[in-house]
Protein backbone atom coordinates (compact mmCIF):
# COMPACT_ATOMS: atom_id res chain seq x y z
CA UNK A 1 -188.69 80.04 -174.52
CA UNK A 2 -188.15 78.97 -171.36
CA UNK A 3 -187.80 80.88 -168.34
CA UNK A 4 -184.65 82.96 -167.98
CA UNK A 5 -182.15 83.83 -164.63
CA UNK A 6 -178.60 85.67 -164.14
CA UNK A 7 -176.90 83.90 -161.67
CA UNK A 8 -174.71 87.75 -161.28
CA UNK A 9 -177.96 88.29 -159.16
CA UNK A 10 -177.92 85.34 -156.90
CA UNK A 11 -173.70 85.70 -156.25
CA UNK A 12 -174.41 90.11 -156.07
CA UNK A 13 -174.50 91.19 -152.70
CA UNK A 14 -178.03 92.36 -153.37
CA UNK A 15 -180.64 90.94 -150.35
CA UNK A 16 -183.33 91.91 -153.36
CA UNK A 17 -181.73 90.49 -156.68
CA UNK A 18 -180.70 87.36 -154.36
CA UNK A 19 -183.90 86.97 -153.37
CA UNK A 20 -186.13 87.63 -156.55
CA UNK A 21 -183.43 85.04 -158.29
CA UNK A 22 -184.54 82.49 -155.57
CA UNK A 23 -188.03 83.37 -156.39
CA UNK A 24 -187.31 83.03 -160.14
CA UNK A 25 -186.17 80.04 -159.77
CA UNK A 26 -188.31 77.99 -157.82
CA UNK A 27 -191.13 79.04 -159.60
CA UNK A 28 -189.67 77.97 -162.79
CA UNK A 29 -189.09 74.63 -161.39
CA UNK A 30 -192.45 74.16 -160.23
CA UNK A 31 -193.74 75.64 -163.27
CA UNK A 32 -192.09 73.53 -165.99
CA UNK A 33 -188.84 71.97 -164.57
CA UNK A 34 -186.56 73.81 -167.03
CA UNK A 35 -184.59 77.50 -166.72
CA UNK A 36 -181.96 78.92 -169.17
CA UNK A 37 -179.12 80.39 -166.65
CA UNK A 38 -176.68 83.28 -167.67
CA UNK A 39 -173.88 84.41 -165.80
CA UNK A 40 -172.29 80.82 -164.81
CA UNK A 41 -168.88 79.59 -164.17
CA UNK A 42 -168.18 77.49 -167.56
CA UNK A 43 -166.05 79.67 -170.05
CA UNK A 44 -167.91 80.13 -173.72
CA UNK A 45 -164.33 79.28 -175.33
CA UNK A 46 -164.23 76.44 -172.79
CA UNK A 47 -167.53 75.26 -174.42
CA UNK A 48 -166.63 75.69 -178.57
CA UNK A 49 -163.11 73.96 -177.64
CA UNK A 50 -164.87 71.53 -175.61
CA UNK A 51 -167.16 70.65 -178.73
CA UNK A 52 -164.45 71.07 -180.92
CA UNK A 53 -162.73 68.22 -179.30
CA UNK A 54 -166.07 65.97 -179.26
CA UNK A 55 -166.16 66.04 -183.28
CA UNK A 56 -163.06 64.76 -183.04
CA UNK A 57 -163.30 62.22 -181.29
CA UNK A 58 -166.27 60.78 -182.30
CA UNK A 59 -165.08 61.39 -185.76
CA UNK A 60 -162.56 58.34 -185.09
CA UNK A 61 -162.99 54.99 -186.62
CA UNK A 62 -165.14 52.32 -184.12
CA UNK A 63 -161.77 50.12 -183.84
CA UNK A 64 -160.63 53.40 -181.77
CA UNK A 65 -162.93 54.19 -180.09
CA UNK A 66 -164.18 50.51 -178.88
CA UNK A 67 -160.12 50.60 -176.96
CA UNK A 68 -161.98 53.47 -174.67
CA UNK A 69 -165.23 51.00 -174.18
CA UNK A 70 -164.20 49.49 -170.64
CA UNK A 71 -166.06 45.98 -170.14
CA UNK A 72 -167.44 46.26 -166.20
CA UNK A 73 -167.58 49.38 -165.73
CA UNK A 74 -171.50 50.29 -166.57
CA UNK A 75 -170.35 52.86 -168.89
CA UNK A 76 -169.50 54.77 -165.81
CA UNK A 77 -165.91 56.21 -167.48
CA UNK A 78 -164.72 56.34 -171.13
CA UNK A 79 -166.84 55.38 -174.00
CA UNK A 80 -170.14 53.67 -174.89
CA UNK A 81 -171.07 52.95 -178.09
CA UNK A 82 -174.06 53.07 -179.90
CA UNK A 83 -177.21 51.96 -179.05
CA UNK A 84 -176.12 50.86 -175.75
CA UNK A 85 -178.58 52.82 -173.37
CA UNK A 86 -182.55 53.18 -173.44
CA UNK A 87 -184.69 55.44 -171.56
CA UNK A 88 -186.82 53.31 -168.80
CA UNK A 89 -189.33 51.44 -170.18
CA UNK A 90 -187.75 51.08 -173.56
CA UNK A 91 -185.76 47.91 -175.21
CA UNK A 92 -185.11 50.02 -178.59
CA UNK A 93 -181.57 51.75 -177.61
CA UNK A 94 -181.33 55.35 -178.38
CA UNK A 95 -180.09 56.35 -181.07
CA UNK A 96 -176.27 57.96 -179.75
CA UNK A 97 -172.86 57.24 -178.72
CA UNK A 98 -171.08 58.81 -175.31
CA UNK A 99 -168.11 59.58 -173.28
CA UNK A 100 -168.30 59.88 -169.35
CA UNK A 101 -166.06 62.31 -167.45
CA UNK A 102 -166.55 61.58 -163.68
CA UNK A 103 -165.30 63.23 -160.21
CA UNK A 104 -161.12 63.66 -159.46
CA UNK A 105 -160.87 62.85 -155.62
CA UNK A 106 -158.47 65.10 -154.21
CA UNK A 107 -156.61 64.15 -151.01
CA UNK A 108 -157.63 61.32 -149.32
CA UNK A 109 -161.41 61.47 -149.11
CA UNK A 110 -162.41 57.72 -148.82
CA UNK A 111 -165.11 58.24 -151.42
CA UNK A 112 -162.27 57.64 -154.21
CA UNK A 113 -162.49 54.13 -153.57
CA UNK A 114 -166.42 54.18 -154.90
CA UNK A 115 -165.01 56.42 -158.18
CA UNK A 116 -163.15 54.64 -161.57
CA UNK A 117 -160.37 56.57 -162.92
CA UNK A 118 -161.41 58.96 -165.71
CA UNK A 119 -159.80 57.15 -169.12
CA UNK A 120 -157.67 60.02 -171.15
CA UNK A 121 -157.71 59.42 -175.22
CA UNK A 122 -154.02 58.61 -176.28
CA UNK A 123 -155.28 60.77 -180.09
CA UNK A 124 -156.90 63.71 -178.69
CA UNK A 125 -154.92 64.56 -174.65
CA UNK A 126 -156.97 67.57 -174.87
CA UNK A 127 -160.52 65.92 -175.40
CA UNK A 128 -159.47 64.70 -171.55
CA UNK A 129 -158.34 67.82 -170.67
CA UNK A 130 -161.28 70.29 -172.11
CA UNK A 131 -163.67 67.99 -170.07
CA UNK A 132 -162.13 68.07 -166.75
CA UNK A 133 -161.97 72.04 -167.02
CA UNK A 134 -165.65 72.08 -167.99
CA UNK A 135 -166.56 69.42 -165.07
CA UNK A 136 -165.22 71.69 -162.60
CA UNK A 137 -166.89 75.19 -163.95
CA UNK A 138 -170.38 73.27 -164.37
CA UNK A 139 -170.30 71.56 -160.73
CA UNK A 140 -169.36 74.67 -159.31
CA UNK A 141 -172.75 76.17 -161.43
CA UNK A 142 -174.66 73.70 -159.89
CA UNK A 143 -172.99 74.18 -156.41
CA UNK A 144 -174.21 77.84 -156.46
CA UNK A 145 -177.45 76.97 -158.06
CA UNK A 146 -178.65 74.35 -155.31
CA UNK A 147 -177.83 76.54 -152.52
CA UNK A 148 -180.26 79.22 -154.36
CA UNK A 149 -183.03 75.66 -154.29
CA UNK A 150 -182.11 75.45 -150.65
CA UNK A 151 -183.27 78.84 -149.71
CA UNK A 152 -186.48 77.97 -152.16
CA UNK A 153 -186.95 75.02 -149.90
CA UNK A 154 -186.78 77.00 -146.61
CA UNK A 155 -183.17 74.92 -145.99
CA UNK A 156 -180.08 76.36 -144.99
CA UNK A 157 -178.50 77.56 -147.78
CA UNK A 158 -175.24 75.41 -147.77
CA UNK A 159 -178.20 72.17 -147.37
CA UNK A 160 -175.99 70.42 -150.29
CA UNK A 161 -172.14 71.81 -149.95
CA UNK A 162 -171.77 68.62 -148.17
CA UNK A 163 -173.31 66.10 -150.25
CA UNK A 164 -172.38 67.00 -153.59
CA UNK A 165 -168.39 67.68 -152.23
CA UNK A 166 -166.65 65.08 -154.42
CA UNK A 167 -170.34 63.61 -155.58
CA UNK A 168 -170.75 61.25 -157.99
CA UNK A 169 -171.58 63.90 -160.98
CA UNK A 170 -170.96 62.96 -164.72
CA UNK A 171 -170.21 64.99 -167.57
CA UNK A 172 -171.29 63.33 -170.99
CA UNK A 173 -170.61 64.16 -174.02
CA UNK A 174 -173.01 62.45 -177.16
CA UNK A 175 -173.12 62.02 -180.25
CA UNK A 176 -175.99 61.09 -181.78
CA UNK A 177 -174.86 60.54 -185.55
CA UNK A 178 -176.61 61.03 -189.11
CA UNK A 179 -179.77 58.76 -189.62
CA UNK A 180 -178.86 56.00 -192.30
CA UNK A 181 -182.13 54.89 -192.63
CA UNK A 182 -186.06 54.47 -191.33
CA UNK A 183 -186.23 53.80 -187.70
CA UNK A 184 -188.34 51.26 -186.57
CA UNK A 185 -189.36 53.32 -183.24
CA UNK A 186 -186.02 54.58 -181.90
CA UNK A 187 -185.38 58.41 -181.14
CA UNK A 188 -181.95 59.83 -180.46
CA UNK A 189 -183.13 59.87 -176.53
CA UNK A 190 -186.75 58.38 -175.93
CA UNK A 191 -188.73 60.58 -173.44
CA UNK A 192 -187.19 60.41 -170.09
CA UNK A 193 -186.12 62.12 -166.41
CA UNK A 194 -182.73 62.51 -165.31
CA UNK A 195 -181.48 60.53 -162.32
CA UNK A 196 -179.42 63.22 -160.64
CA UNK A 197 -180.25 66.31 -158.90
CA UNK A 198 -179.97 68.86 -161.05
CA UNK A 199 -178.73 68.76 -164.87
CA UNK A 200 -176.46 71.54 -166.40
CA UNK A 201 -176.60 71.65 -170.07
CA UNK A 202 -174.23 73.70 -172.94
CA UNK A 203 -175.85 74.67 -175.77
CA UNK A 204 -176.56 71.61 -178.20
CA UNK A 205 -175.34 71.66 -181.95
CA UNK A 206 -178.32 71.47 -183.11
CA UNK A 207 -182.41 71.64 -182.42
CA UNK A 208 -184.20 68.59 -181.00
CA UNK A 209 -184.28 69.07 -177.38
CA UNK A 210 -188.13 68.76 -176.48
CA UNK A 211 -190.02 69.35 -172.87
CA UNK A 212 -193.17 67.90 -171.82
CA UNK A 213 -195.55 71.07 -170.34
CA UNK A 214 -197.90 70.24 -167.53
CA UNK A 215 -200.68 70.81 -170.62
CA UNK A 216 -199.19 67.39 -171.97
CA UNK A 217 -197.85 69.16 -174.81
CA UNK A 218 -194.13 68.81 -176.25
CA UNK A 219 -192.34 72.47 -175.81
CA UNK A 220 -188.83 73.12 -178.13
CA UNK A 221 -186.08 74.05 -175.87
CA UNK A 222 -183.73 76.28 -177.06
CA UNK A 223 -180.65 78.24 -175.03
CA UNK A 224 -178.84 81.30 -176.48
CA UNK A 225 -175.01 80.77 -176.89
CA UNK A 226 -174.21 82.47 -172.97
CA UNK A 227 -176.72 80.10 -171.32
CA UNK A 228 -177.37 76.67 -169.85
CA UNK A 229 -180.57 75.00 -169.44
CA UNK A 230 -180.51 73.75 -166.13
CA UNK A 231 -183.23 71.39 -164.95
CA UNK A 232 -184.52 69.05 -162.01
CA UNK A 233 -183.39 65.21 -161.81
CA UNK A 234 -185.55 62.44 -159.76
CA UNK A 235 -183.33 62.61 -156.93
CA UNK A 236 -184.40 66.20 -156.20
CA UNK A 237 -187.91 65.42 -157.11
CA UNK A 238 -188.04 62.74 -154.44
CA UNK A 239 -186.32 64.71 -151.96
CA UNK A 240 -188.74 67.14 -151.85
CA UNK A 241 -191.98 64.97 -152.16
CA UNK A 242 -192.85 66.12 -156.05
CA UNK A 243 -192.86 69.72 -154.96
CA UNK A 244 -190.33 70.58 -157.57
CA UNK A 245 -190.91 68.06 -160.59
CA UNK A 246 -188.37 66.22 -163.03
CA UNK A 247 -189.60 67.08 -166.21
CA UNK A 248 -189.85 64.43 -168.87
CA UNK A 249 -187.86 65.74 -171.41
CA UNK A 250 -186.61 63.58 -174.91
CA UNK A 251 -184.33 64.42 -178.27
CA UNK A 252 -186.77 63.84 -181.38
CA UNK A 253 -185.21 63.34 -184.93
CA UNK A 254 -184.75 65.55 -187.20
CA UNK A 255 -186.64 66.25 -190.27
CA UNK A 256 -185.29 63.97 -193.29
CA UNK A 257 -183.80 66.77 -194.95
CA UNK A 258 -181.60 66.80 -191.38
CA UNK A 259 -180.91 63.15 -191.46
CA UNK A 260 -177.44 63.45 -192.70
CA UNK A 261 -176.37 65.58 -189.94
CA UNK A 262 -174.85 64.73 -187.36
CA UNK A 263 -176.01 66.11 -183.60
CA UNK A 264 -173.69 67.18 -180.25
CA UNK A 265 -174.96 67.62 -177.11
CA UNK A 266 -173.17 68.12 -173.25
CA UNK A 267 -175.07 67.34 -170.22
CA UNK A 268 -174.07 67.64 -166.75
CA UNK A 269 -175.28 65.54 -164.38
CA UNK A 270 -174.83 66.80 -161.20
CA UNK A 271 -174.63 64.01 -158.67
CA UNK A 272 -174.28 63.95 -154.86
CA UNK A 273 -172.39 61.52 -152.68
CA UNK A 274 -173.85 58.17 -152.42
CA UNK A 275 -174.26 58.50 -148.42
CA UNK A 276 -177.18 60.93 -149.18
CA UNK A 277 -180.34 60.33 -148.08
CA UNK A 278 -182.98 61.00 -150.89
CA UNK A 279 -185.88 60.72 -147.62
CA UNK A 280 -188.54 63.28 -148.23
CA UNK A 281 -187.67 66.38 -146.93
CA UNK A 282 -190.51 66.93 -143.94
CA UNK A 283 -191.37 70.56 -144.53
CA UNK A 284 -192.72 68.68 -148.54
CA UNK A 285 -194.58 66.79 -146.68
CA UNK A 286 -198.45 67.92 -146.17
CA UNK A 287 -201.78 66.78 -145.88
CA UNK A 288 -202.43 67.77 -149.57
CA UNK A 289 -198.92 66.34 -150.28
CA UNK A 290 -198.72 62.90 -148.64
CA UNK A 291 -195.26 61.55 -148.62
CA UNK A 292 -194.33 59.56 -152.29
CA UNK A 293 -191.51 57.73 -151.72
CA UNK A 294 -189.55 55.10 -149.18
CA UNK A 295 -186.61 55.96 -147.47
CA UNK A 296 -183.56 55.53 -149.71
CA UNK A 297 -180.03 56.62 -150.49
CA UNK A 298 -178.28 57.89 -153.44
CA UNK A 299 -176.19 55.36 -154.25
CA UNK A 300 -179.00 52.54 -154.20
CA UNK A 301 -181.24 54.55 -156.13
CA UNK A 302 -178.82 55.14 -158.52
CA UNK A 303 -178.36 51.54 -158.70
CA UNK A 304 -181.95 50.69 -159.23
CA UNK A 305 -181.83 53.57 -162.56
CA UNK A 306 -179.38 51.98 -164.40
CA UNK A 307 -180.24 48.60 -164.15
CA UNK A 308 -183.47 49.99 -165.59
CA UNK A 309 -181.69 51.50 -168.79
CA UNK A 310 -179.67 48.73 -169.66
CA UNK A 311 -176.24 50.14 -168.44
CA UNK A 312 -176.23 47.47 -165.52
């Protein structure tokens, strides 16, 4: 089991509970890079209803789904068909199809011009409604997780707030279809690290997620129904000069007797605004941990990575 924390401890008015949460979270992220979180803002009903809507969407025929695959968007919104994305350094497409919900900008923030419009599915209006609700709930949860991370890094608690306000986050419902023939070498999702600051994952519909621990062993990750699994991404690793490590993980193919089953998963990739600097924090650069990365913005880094995984 991965370490578990309760966000209500951080939100409480009890300084001891808040401090214990920060320490437990930071230790888990230095150690394995994943943590299970209860007491978050995503209602179980929203989660269950969204999973049901995802199953309904991915059950539509291919011609209907492809109406929502928009050329030129690099998969930023709407549908991405089977096998298009691959892990960095791989050529085989992962055995999955997925959908992207993105940021809804309120007011006259100029960043609105950077984001495509969300796409709604005419056949399933509830899919879009539930997706945007879950997006808001997970974004709010992520804001407090990042506040705790800021405190662990000896930064101001609100260090990330302005950087993630109207950030470029993505909610990605994924369908891993049944496996119908012996895969050459592709897996449902090859080993990779996430690009973003942190990823918040609602409990997937089947086992298969594994993380690589410090001993080089693959460990199965399962969260209880009321928990989210939250892991460190490459942007946070870069910002902290590897103090917090982005964890390598994968989704393995099921045993042959379960090849006929689908797997559904809904990660929320919490991204900052494109102008956020990912230059290594001064207090994370020491004689023992010299500077590992060149200065870059989040937007430039994202562009670089989308090309590497075949979406651009």
